[in-house]
Protein backbone atom coordinates (compact mmCIF):
# COMPACT_ATOMS: atom_id res chain seq x y z
CA UNK A 1 175.90 46.72 13.64
CA UNK A 2 174.54 43.29 14.57
CA UNK A 3 177.04 40.76 15.93
CA UNK A 4 178.56 38.57 13.17
CA UNK A 5 177.22 35.56 15.10
CA UNK A 6 173.63 36.68 14.58
CA UNK A 7 171.45 34.47 12.41
CA UNK A 8 168.99 37.01 10.94
CA UNK A 9 166.55 34.48 9.50
CA UNK A 10 164.37 34.04 12.62
CA UNK A 11 164.01 37.80 12.98
CA UNK A 12 162.88 38.81 9.50
CA UNK A 13 159.59 40.61 9.01
CA UNK A 14 159.69 43.35 11.66
CA UNK A 15 161.48 46.58 10.72
CA UNK A 16 161.16 47.88 14.30
CA UNK A 17 163.56 45.25 15.68
CA UNK A 18 167.35 45.39 15.30
CA UNK A 19 169.51 42.59 16.67
CA UNK A 20 172.57 43.94 18.51
CA UNK A 21 174.17 40.77 19.86
CA UNK A 22 173.42 37.08 20.06
CA UNK A 23 175.25 34.46 22.13
CA UNK A 24 174.78 30.69 22.24
CA UNK A 25 174.49 29.62 25.88
CA UNK A 26 173.97 25.91 25.24
CA UNK A 27 173.58 23.68 22.22
CA UNK A 28 173.20 20.08 23.30
CA UNK A 29 169.85 18.53 22.31
CA UNK A 30 168.37 21.95 21.60
CA UNK A 31 169.57 25.55 21.26
CA UNK A 32 169.56 28.13 24.05
CA UNK A 33 170.50 31.67 22.98
CA UNK A 34 170.73 35.06 24.65
CA UNK A 35 169.84 37.90 22.29
CA UNK A 36 170.17 41.62 22.90
CA UNK A 37 168.01 43.66 20.56
CA UNK A 38 166.66 47.13 20.07
CA UNK A 39 162.97 47.54 19.42
CA UNK A 40 160.68 50.49 18.85
CA UNK A 41 157.97 50.84 21.47
CA UNK A 42 154.43 51.93 20.64
CA UNK A 43 155.22 55.48 21.71
CA UNK A 44 158.08 55.61 19.19
CA UNK A 45 160.95 55.33 21.71
CA UNK A 46 163.75 52.82 21.13
CA UNK A 47 164.52 50.37 23.94
CA UNK A 48 167.32 47.81 24.31
CA UNK A 49 166.19 44.46 25.76
CA UNK A 50 167.89 41.09 26.38
CA UNK A 51 165.99 37.81 26.16
CA UNK A 52 166.88 34.12 26.33
CA UNK A 53 165.14 31.83 23.86
CA UNK A 54 165.05 28.05 23.86
CA UNK A 55 164.72 26.60 20.36
CA UNK A 56 163.68 22.96 20.24
CA UNK A 57 161.94 23.12 16.88
CA UNK A 58 158.23 23.04 16.17
CA UNK A 59 155.90 20.16 16.96
CA UNK A 60 152.55 18.46 16.52
CA UNK A 61 149.75 17.34 18.84
CA UNK A 62 146.90 14.98 17.96
CA UNK A 63 143.58 14.12 19.54
CA UNK A 64 142.26 10.76 18.35
CA UNK A 65 138.51 10.47 18.83
CA UNK A 66 135.68 8.03 18.24
CA UNK A 67 132.43 9.96 17.88
CA UNK A 68 129.99 6.98 18.14
CA UNK A 69 131.61 5.87 21.40
CA UNK A 70 132.21 9.40 22.67
CA UNK A 71 135.83 8.49 23.47
CA UNK A 72 139.31 9.91 22.97
CA UNK A 73 142.79 8.40 23.05
CA UNK A 74 145.29 9.92 25.47
CA UNK A 75 148.63 8.72 26.81
CA UNK A 76 150.31 8.72 30.22
CA UNK A 77 154.06 8.97 30.72
CA UNK A 78 156.71 10.19 33.15
CA UNK A 79 157.78 13.80 32.57
CA UNK A 80 160.94 14.71 34.49
CA UNK A 81 160.46 18.53 34.32
CA UNK A 82 156.95 18.14 35.77
CA UNK A 83 158.26 15.97 38.60
CA UNK A 84 160.97 18.56 39.33
CA UNK A 85 158.26 21.24 39.49
CA UNK A 86 156.07 19.44 42.01
CA UNK A 87 154.01 16.81 40.14
CA UNK A 88 154.09 14.10 42.80
CA UNK A 89 154.77 11.04 40.64
CA UNK A 90 155.77 12.91 37.47
CA UNK A 91 153.13 11.04 35.44
CA UNK A 92 151.39 13.34 32.97
CA UNK A 93 148.29 12.54 30.92
CA UNK A 94 148.64 14.00 27.43
CA UNK A 95 147.49 13.95 23.86
CA UNK A 96 149.83 12.20 21.44
CA UNK A 97 152.55 14.70 20.42
CA UNK A 98 156.11 15.15 19.25
CA UNK A 99 158.60 17.33 17.42
CA UNK A 100 158.60 17.69 13.65
CA UNK A 101 162.19 16.39 13.43
CA UNK A 102 162.47 17.49 9.81
CA UNK A 103 159.09 16.13 8.74
CA UNK A 104 156.12 18.15 7.59
CA UNK A 105 153.40 18.41 10.29
CA UNK A 106 151.13 15.72 8.82
CA UNK A 107 153.96 13.21 8.45
CA UNK A 108 155.21 13.96 11.96
CA UNK A 109 151.71 13.58 13.38
CA UNK A 110 151.25 10.18 11.71
CA UNK A 111 154.68 9.06 12.95
CA UNK A 112 153.96 10.01 16.54
CA UNK A 113 150.50 8.46 16.48
CA UNK A 114 151.68 5.03 15.38
CA UNK A 115 154.71 5.13 17.68
CA UNK A 116 152.95 6.30 20.83
CA UNK A 117 149.39 4.98 20.51
CA UNK A 118 149.68 2.17 17.95
CA UNK A 119 146.94 3.74 15.79
CA UNK A 120 147.38 4.47 12.09
CA UNK A 121 145.79 7.84 11.33
CA UNK A 122 143.44 7.73 8.35
CA UNK A 123 141.84 11.17 7.89
CA UNK A 124 143.50 13.87 10.00
CA UNK A 125 142.22 17.43 10.09
CA UNK A 126 144.22 20.48 11.12
CA UNK A 127 142.51 22.25 14.02
CA UNK A 128 144.77 25.23 14.78
CA UNK A 129 148.33 26.34 15.57
CA UNK A 130 149.63 27.88 18.80
CA UNK A 131 152.80 29.12 20.46
CA UNK A 132 152.90 27.24 23.74
CA UNK A 133 155.30 29.26 25.91
CA UNK A 134 156.08 32.46 23.99
CA UNK A 135 157.97 34.16 26.80
CA UNK A 136 161.00 31.94 26.33
CA UNK A 137 160.39 28.94 24.05
CA UNK A 138 160.20 29.35 20.27
CA UNK A 139 158.13 26.21 19.66
CA UNK A 140 154.89 26.39 17.69
CA UNK A 141 152.55 23.40 17.78
CA UNK A 142 150.35 22.21 14.91
CA UNK A 143 147.17 20.72 16.38
CA UNK A 144 145.30 17.91 14.64
CA UNK A 145 142.22 15.79 15.26
CA UNK A 146 141.51 12.42 13.67
CA UNK A 147 138.84 9.74 14.03
CA UNK A 148 139.88 6.22 15.02
CA UNK A 149 138.29 2.81 15.35
CA UNK A 150 139.56 -0.64 16.29
CA UNK A 151 140.55 -1.47 12.70
CA UNK A 152 143.11 1.36 12.78
CA UNK A 153 145.13 -0.20 15.58
CA UNK A 154 148.41 -1.71 14.40
CA UNK A 155 150.04 -2.50 17.76
CA UNK A 156 149.82 -1.63 21.46
CA UNK A 157 151.80 1.61 21.24
CA UNK A 158 154.12 2.57 24.07
CA UNK A 159 156.65 4.86 22.40
CA UNK A 160 160.33 4.37 21.62
CA UNK A 161 162.12 2.56 24.46
CA UNK A 162 165.51 3.61 23.03
CA UNK A 163 164.50 7.23 23.70
CA UNK A 164 163.43 6.40 27.26
CA UNK A 165 159.70 6.40 26.48
CA UNK A 166 157.39 4.14 28.47
CA UNK A 167 153.90 5.19 27.43
CA UNK A 168 150.54 3.89 28.63
CA UNK A 169 147.69 4.30 26.15
CA UNK A 170 144.35 5.42 27.60
CA UNK A 171 140.90 5.32 26.01
CA UNK A 172 138.55 7.63 27.90
CA UNK A 173 135.08 9.09 27.43
CA UNK A 174 135.45 12.74 26.45
CA UNK A 175 133.17 13.68 29.34
CA UNK A 176 135.51 11.91 31.78
CA UNK A 177 138.57 13.60 30.26
CA UNK A 178 136.96 17.01 30.74
CA UNK A 179 136.20 16.15 34.38
CA UNK A 180 139.88 15.25 34.79
CA UNK A 181 140.85 18.78 33.73
CA UNK A 182 138.67 20.21 36.49
CA UNK A 183 140.03 17.74 39.06
CA UNK A 184 143.66 18.39 38.14
CA UNK A 185 144.27 14.88 36.85
CA UNK A 186 144.99 16.39 33.42
CA UNK A 187 147.38 19.36 33.62
CA UNK A 188 149.03 19.36 30.20
CA UNK A 189 148.31 22.54 28.25
CA UNK A 190 148.16 21.12 24.72
CA UNK A 191 145.86 18.34 25.90
CA UNK A 192 143.51 20.75 27.65
CA UNK A 193 143.34 22.85 24.48
CA UNK A 194 142.45 19.86 22.30
CA UNK A 195 139.89 18.48 24.73
CA UNK A 196 138.17 21.85 25.10
CA UNK A 197 138.20 22.26 21.32
CA UNK A 198 136.48 18.87 21.01
CA UNK A 199 133.94 19.86 23.65
CA UNK A 200 133.16 23.16 21.91
CA UNK A 201 132.87 21.70 18.43
CA UNK A 202 131.43 18.28 19.34
CA UNK A 203 133.03 14.97 18.47
CA UNK A 204 130.54 14.35 15.68
CA UNK A 205 131.58 17.62 13.99
CA UNK A 206 135.37 17.42 14.37
């Protein structure tokens, strides 16, 4: 029988998986669990496996673009985990993004845009969804694109200082941003995905 501490809701929908035990390893800002489960392999055999999962909720990412100018809005900020893992100054160039924090994806995307970039989003379009690190992190991102112009700017952006954010807002030609992927100046996965999506589709067709 599954452990009484098991929350079955995240595991519904697959009859070939049976949760045997689940332990909470940490629950500070987010939730780290170790789960032991039995699953049926493709050859029909049952196998017991243990996995750790880090649940920080789902999130949003947004690429603001101006088709007539051929530009996009990105941000630059210090990312401690990146610095720990060898990024020399820890400064990462990214698309605007954040966690849902109880909001629906559109509301969360608008909140993050105004907070981080200073732009009010007028006509967002959903581009796609993706699991960003499925080996250990449960997070799914909702990706959006939205046009901007100068009239949409409400303030300088910069993020929430009370949360330790100190964000620089960048306006770059899309062509330059794509070159920065090749050069290693842009290394953030969600940002690379959005920029390559824009390059494939074309800014005038986003």
